[in-house]
C-alpha atoms as a PDB file:
ATOM      1  CA  MET A   1     133.860 -11.422-153.427  1.00  0.00           C
ATOM      2  CA  GLY A   2     136.488 -13.842-152.313  1.00  0.00           C
ATOM      3  CA  THR A   3     139.822 -14.994-153.537  1.00  0.00           C
ATOM      4  CA  TRP A   4     138.250 -17.819-155.667  1.00  0.00           C
ATOM      5  CA  TYR A   5     136.289 -15.025-157.703  1.00  0.00           C
ATOM      6  CA  TRP A   6     139.604 -13.138-158.364  1.00  0.00           C
ATOM      7  CA  ILE A   7     141.424 -16.308-159.310  1.00  0.00           C
ATOM      8  CA  GLY A   8     138.750 -17.125-161.794  1.00  0.00           C
ATOM      9  CA  VAL A   9     139.004 -13.638-163.245  1.00  0.00           C
ATOM     10  CA  CYS A  10     142.787 -14.096-163.649  1.00  0.00           C
ATOM     11  CA  VAL A  11     142.410 -17.472-165.397  1.00  0.00           C
ATOM     12  CA  GLY A  12     139.579 -15.780-167.655  1.00  0.00           C
ATOM     13  CA  ILE A  13     141.914 -12.918-168.467  1.00  0.00           C
ATOM     14  CA  GLY A  14     144.722 -15.271-169.073  1.00  0.00           C
ATOM     15  CA  VAL A  15     142.638 -17.322-171.575  1.00  0.00           C
ATOM     16  CA  ALA A  16     141.714 -14.140-173.470  1.00  0.00           C
ATOM     17  CA  ILE A  17     145.513 -13.223-173.692  1.00  0.00           C
ATOM     18  CA  GLY A  18     146.302 -16.718-174.992  1.00  0.00           C
ATOM     19  CA  VAL A  19     143.502 -16.485-177.593  1.00  0.00           C
ATOM     20  CA  PHE A  20     144.850 -13.019-178.595  1.00  0.00           C
ATOM     21  CA  PHE A  21     148.424 -14.155-178.929  1.00  0.00           C
ATOM     22  CA  ALA A  22     147.349 -17.310-180.695  1.00  0.00           C
ATOM     23  CA  ALA A  23     146.132 -15.315-183.638  1.00  0.00           C
ATOM     24  CA  PHE A  24     149.674 -14.434-184.502  1.00  0.00           C
ATOM     25  CA  TRP A  25     151.006 -18.064-184.609  1.00  0.00           C
ATOM     26  CA  GLY A  26     152.861 -18.647-187.597  1.00  0.00           C
ATOM     27  CA  THR A  27     154.618 -21.558-189.415  1.00  0.00           C
ATOM     28  CA  ARG A  28     158.234 -20.580-188.730  1.00  0.00           C
ATOM     29  CA  ARG A  29     159.993 -21.643-185.668  1.00  0.00           C
ATOM     30  CA  ASP A  30     160.660 -18.254-184.236  1.00  0.00           C
ATOM     31  CA  SER A  31     156.834 -17.585-183.953  1.00  0.00           C
ATOM     32  CA  MET A  32     156.415 -20.890-182.218  1.00  0.00           C
ATOM     33  CA  ILE A  33     158.810 -19.795-179.642  1.00  0.00           C
ATOM     34  CA  LEU A  34     158.194 -15.948-179.549  1.00  0.00           C
ATOM     35  CA  VAL A  35     154.387 -16.170-179.318  1.00  0.00           C
ATOM     36  CA  PRO A  36     154.041 -18.341-176.412  1.00  0.00           C
ATOM     37  CA  ALA A  37     156.778 -16.520-174.578  1.00  0.00           C
ATOM     38  CA  LEU A  38     155.197 -13.196-175.064  1.00  0.00           C
ATOM     39  CA  ALA A  39     151.700 -14.506-174.110  1.00  0.00           C
ATOM     40  CA  LEU A  40     153.198 -15.931-170.925  1.00  0.00           C
ATOM     41  CA  VAL A  41     154.908 -12.690-170.016  1.00  0.00           C
ATOM     42  CA  CYS A  42     151.635 -10.677-170.564  1.00  0.00           C
ATOM     43  CA  GLY A  43     149.730 -13.238-168.535  1.00  0.00           C
ATOM     44  CA  LEU A  44     152.287 -12.964-165.664  1.00  0.00           C
ATOM     45  CA  ILE A  45     151.849  -9.098-165.947  1.00  0.00           C
ATOM     46  CA  ALA A  46     148.087  -9.183-166.028  1.00  0.00           C
ATOM     47  CA  GLY A  47     147.962 -11.677-163.008  1.00  0.00           C
ATOM     48  CA  TRP A  48     150.445  -9.284-161.121  1.00  0.00           C
ATOM     49  CA  ALA A  49     148.337  -6.314-161.774  1.00  0.00           C
ATOM     50  CA  ILE A  50     145.237  -7.946-160.639  1.00  0.00           C
ATOM     51  CA  SER A  51     146.744  -9.362-157.563  1.00  0.00           C
ATOM     52  CA  ASN A  52     148.242  -5.772-156.695  1.00  0.00           C
ATOM     53  CA  TRP A  53     144.869  -4.210-157.433  1.00  0.00           C
ATOM     54  CA  ARG A  54     142.869  -6.597-155.275  1.00  0.00           C
ATOM     55  CA  PRO A  55     144.382  -8.460-152.375  1.00  0.00           C
ATOM     56  CA  GLY A  56     145.969 -11.499-153.904  1.00  0.00           C
ATOM     57  CA  ASN A  57     148.918 -13.511-153.971  1.00  0.00           C
ATOM     58  CA  TRP A  58     150.911 -15.866-156.291  1.00  0.00           C
ATOM     59  CA  GLY A  59     147.658 -17.875-156.991  1.00  0.00           C
ATOM     60  CA  ASP A  60     146.431 -14.966-159.165  1.00  0.00           C
ATOM     61  CA  ARG A  61     149.668 -14.920-161.265  1.00  0.00           C
ATOM     62  CA  GLY A  62     149.665 -18.633-161.569  1.00  0.00           C
ATOM     63  CA  ALA A  63     146.014 -18.733-162.526  1.00  0.00           C
ATOM     64  CA  ALA A  64     146.692 -16.075-165.224  1.00  0.00           C
ATOM     65  CA  ILE A  65     149.597 -18.195-166.472  1.00  0.00           C
ATOM     66  CA  ALA A  66     147.453 -21.260-166.478  1.00  0.00           C
ATOM     67  CA  GLY A  67     144.832 -19.405-168.362  1.00  0.00           C
ATOM     68  CA  VAL A  68     147.316 -18.185-171.026  1.00  0.00           C
ATOM     69  CA  ILE A  69     148.322 -21.886-171.598  1.00  0.00           C
ATOM     70  CA  CYS A  70     144.561 -23.127-171.814  1.00  0.00           C
ATOM     71  CA  GLY A  71     143.924 -20.126-174.243  1.00  0.00           C
ATOM     72  CA  LEU A  72     146.961 -21.029-176.503  1.00  0.00           C
ATOM     73  CA  LEU A  73     146.093 -24.750-176.403  1.00  0.00           C
ATOM     74  CA  GLY A  74     142.580 -23.959-177.494  1.00  0.00           C
ATOM     75  CA  ALA A  75     143.064 -21.328-180.142  1.00  0.00           C
ATOM     76  CA  VAL A  76     146.254 -22.414-181.944  1.00  0.00           C
ATOM     77  CA  PRO A  77     144.728 -25.544-183.558  1.00  0.00           C
ATOM     78  CA  VAL A  78     141.864 -23.198-184.939  1.00  0.00           C
ATOM     79  CA  VAL A  79     144.372 -20.749-186.197  1.00  0.00           C
ATOM     80  CA  VAL A  80     146.435 -23.386-187.899  1.00  0.00           C
ATOM     81  CA  GLY A  81     143.437 -25.014-189.341  1.00  0.00           C
ATOM     82  CA  ALA A  82     141.980 -21.681-190.627  1.00  0.00           C
ATOM     83  CA  LEU A  83     145.296 -20.798-192.190  1.00  0.00           C
ATOM     84  CA  ARG A  84     145.767 -24.165-193.845  1.00  0.00           C
ATOM     85  CA  ARG A  85     142.321 -24.022-195.477  1.00  0.00           C
ATOM     86  CA  GLY A  86     143.087 -20.813-197.145  1.00  0.00           C
ATOM     87  CA  GLY A  87     141.881 -18.414-194.486  1.00  0.00           C
ATOM     88  CA  GLU A  88     143.322 -14.820-194.542  1.00  0.00           C
ATOM     89  CA  ARG A  89     145.934 -13.744-191.729  1.00  0.00           C
ATOM     90  CA  THR A  90     144.163 -10.442-191.243  1.00  0.00           C
ATOM     91  CA  GLY A  91     140.741 -11.951-190.794  1.00  0.00           C
ATOM     92  CA  THR A  92     141.999 -14.425-188.532  1.00  0.00           C
ATOM     93  CA  VAL A  93     143.698 -11.882-186.320  1.00  0.00           C
ATOM     94  CA  VAL A  94     140.652  -9.696-186.395  1.00  0.00           C
ATOM     95  CA  LEU A  95     138.225 -12.460-185.429  1.00  0.00           C
ATOM     96  CA  LEU A  96     140.370 -13.895-182.570  1.00  0.00           C
ATOM     97  CA  ALA A  97     141.029 -10.303-181.252  1.00  0.00           C
ATOM     98  CA  GLY A  98     137.329  -9.834-180.992  1.00  0.00           C
ATOM     99  CA  ALA A  99     137.044 -13.371-179.361  1.00  0.00           C
ATOM    100  CA  ALA A 100     139.784 -12.312-176.910  1.00  0.00           C
ATOM    101  CA  ILE A 101     137.794  -9.079-176.048  1.00  0.00           C
ATOM    102  CA  VAL A 102     134.665 -10.982-175.347  1.00  0.00           C
ATOM    103  CA  LEU A 103     136.472 -13.550-173.288  1.00  0.00           C
ATOM    104  CA  ALA A 104     138.129 -10.950-171.121  1.00  0.00           C
ATOM    105  CA  VAL A 105     134.762  -9.305-170.556  1.00  0.00           C
ATOM    106  CA  ILE A 106     132.864 -12.412-169.408  1.00  0.00           C
ATOM    107  CA  ALA A 107     135.850 -13.386-167.240  1.00  0.00           C
ATOM    108  CA  PHE A 108     134.332 -11.031-164.676  1.00  0.00           C
ATOM    109  CA  ILE A 109     131.140 -13.178-164.422  1.00  0.00           C
ATOM    110  CA  PRO A 110     131.606 -15.610-161.350  1.00  0.00           C
ATOM    111  CA  VAL A 111     133.044 -18.996-162.212  1.00  0.00           C
ATOM    112  CA  VAL A 112     132.933 -18.400-166.092  1.00  0.00           C
ATOM    113  CA  GLY A 113     136.834 -17.926-166.147  1.00  0.00           C
ATOM    114  CA  TYR A 114     137.199 -21.450-164.806  1.00  0.00           C
ATOM    115  CA  VAL A 115     134.702 -22.780-167.253  1.00  0.00           C
ATOM    116  CA  VAL A 116     136.234 -21.182-170.308  1.00  0.00           C
ATOM    117  CA  ALA A 117     139.657 -22.451-169.413  1.00  0.00           C
ATOM    118  CA  ILE A 118     138.278 -25.978-169.230  1.00  0.00           C
ATOM    119  CA  VAL A 119     135.887 -25.856-172.232  1.00  0.00           C
ATOM    120  CA  LEU A 120     138.382 -24.197-174.797  1.00  0.00           C
ATOM    121  CA  PRO A 121     140.992 -26.884-174.926  1.00  0.00           C
ATOM    122  CA  LEU A 122     138.395 -29.568-174.998  1.00  0.00           C
ATOM    123  CA  LEU A 123     136.918 -27.767-178.038  1.00  0.00           C
ATOM    124  CA  ALA A 124     140.259 -27.919-179.635  1.00  0.00           C
ATOM    125  CA  LEU A 125     140.491 -31.648-179.007  1.00  0.00           C
ATOM    126  CA  ILE A 126     137.073 -32.132-180.606  1.00  0.00           C
ATOM    127  CA  LEU A 127     137.993 -29.986-183.589  1.00  0.00           C
ATOM    128  CA  ARG A 128     141.347 -31.779-184.087  1.00  0.00           C
ATOM    129  CA  ARG A 129     139.475 -35.043-184.494  1.00  0.00           C
ATOM    130  CA  ARG A 130     137.496 -33.550-187.426  1.00  0.00           C
ATOM    131  CA  LYS A 131     139.798 -32.349-189.878  1.00  0.00           C
ATOM    132  CA  PRO A 132     137.819 -31.191-193.059  1.00  0.00           C
ATOM    133  CA  GLU A 133     139.720 -30.712-196.268  1.00  0.00           C
ATOM    134  CA  ARG A 134     140.254 -27.407-197.981  1.00  0.00           C
ATOM    135  CA  TYR A 135     137.084 -26.439-199.732  1.00  0.00           C
ATOM    136  CA  ALA A 136     137.531 -27.072-203.404  1.00  0.00           C
ATOM    137  CA  GLY A 137     134.891 -24.459-204.699  1.00  0.00           C
ATOM    138  CA  LEU A 138     134.348 -24.226-208.276  1.00  0.00           C
ATOM    139  CA  ARG A 139     137.688 -26.085-209.016  1.00  0.00           C
ATOM    140  CA  THR A 140     135.694 -29.185-208.933  1.00  0.00           C
ATOM    141  CA  LEU A 141     133.750 -28.121-211.867  1.00  0.00           C
ATOM    142  CA  ALA A 142     136.543 -27.367-214.005  1.00  0.00           C
ATOM    143  CA  LYS A 143     137.500 -29.810-216.719  1.00  0.00           C
ATOM    144  CA  ASP A 144     141.067 -30.624-217.780  1.00  0.00           C
END
């Protein structure tokens, strides 16, 4: 495999890291600073580890950081929307951790890392346009 393959793997692993850390996004200002910072550091470490394991350069590290940014941009709107509509924090973390594991595994398929990095933020844009209300459930049947 060539350099393009390992750069794609770094992008895919970076996306997985971004999705995982997006699960811990909160409403307070400190989480809005701390979560991306930790995700970027982990992405840099992952890119550095892959570039040292396989012959690579700063392209791998930069690709991992770009993947983290794409993962955060794609997953944070989902987390914010789920929590605003009444989703549980624990369930959201478990689901996004599972999604991150799947994304990390499929990143080793050639070209998939690039595709995921492009598609995930586009999906977030599409979901952002459609903002359903919180489900009313049985409250709509209650009479005052």
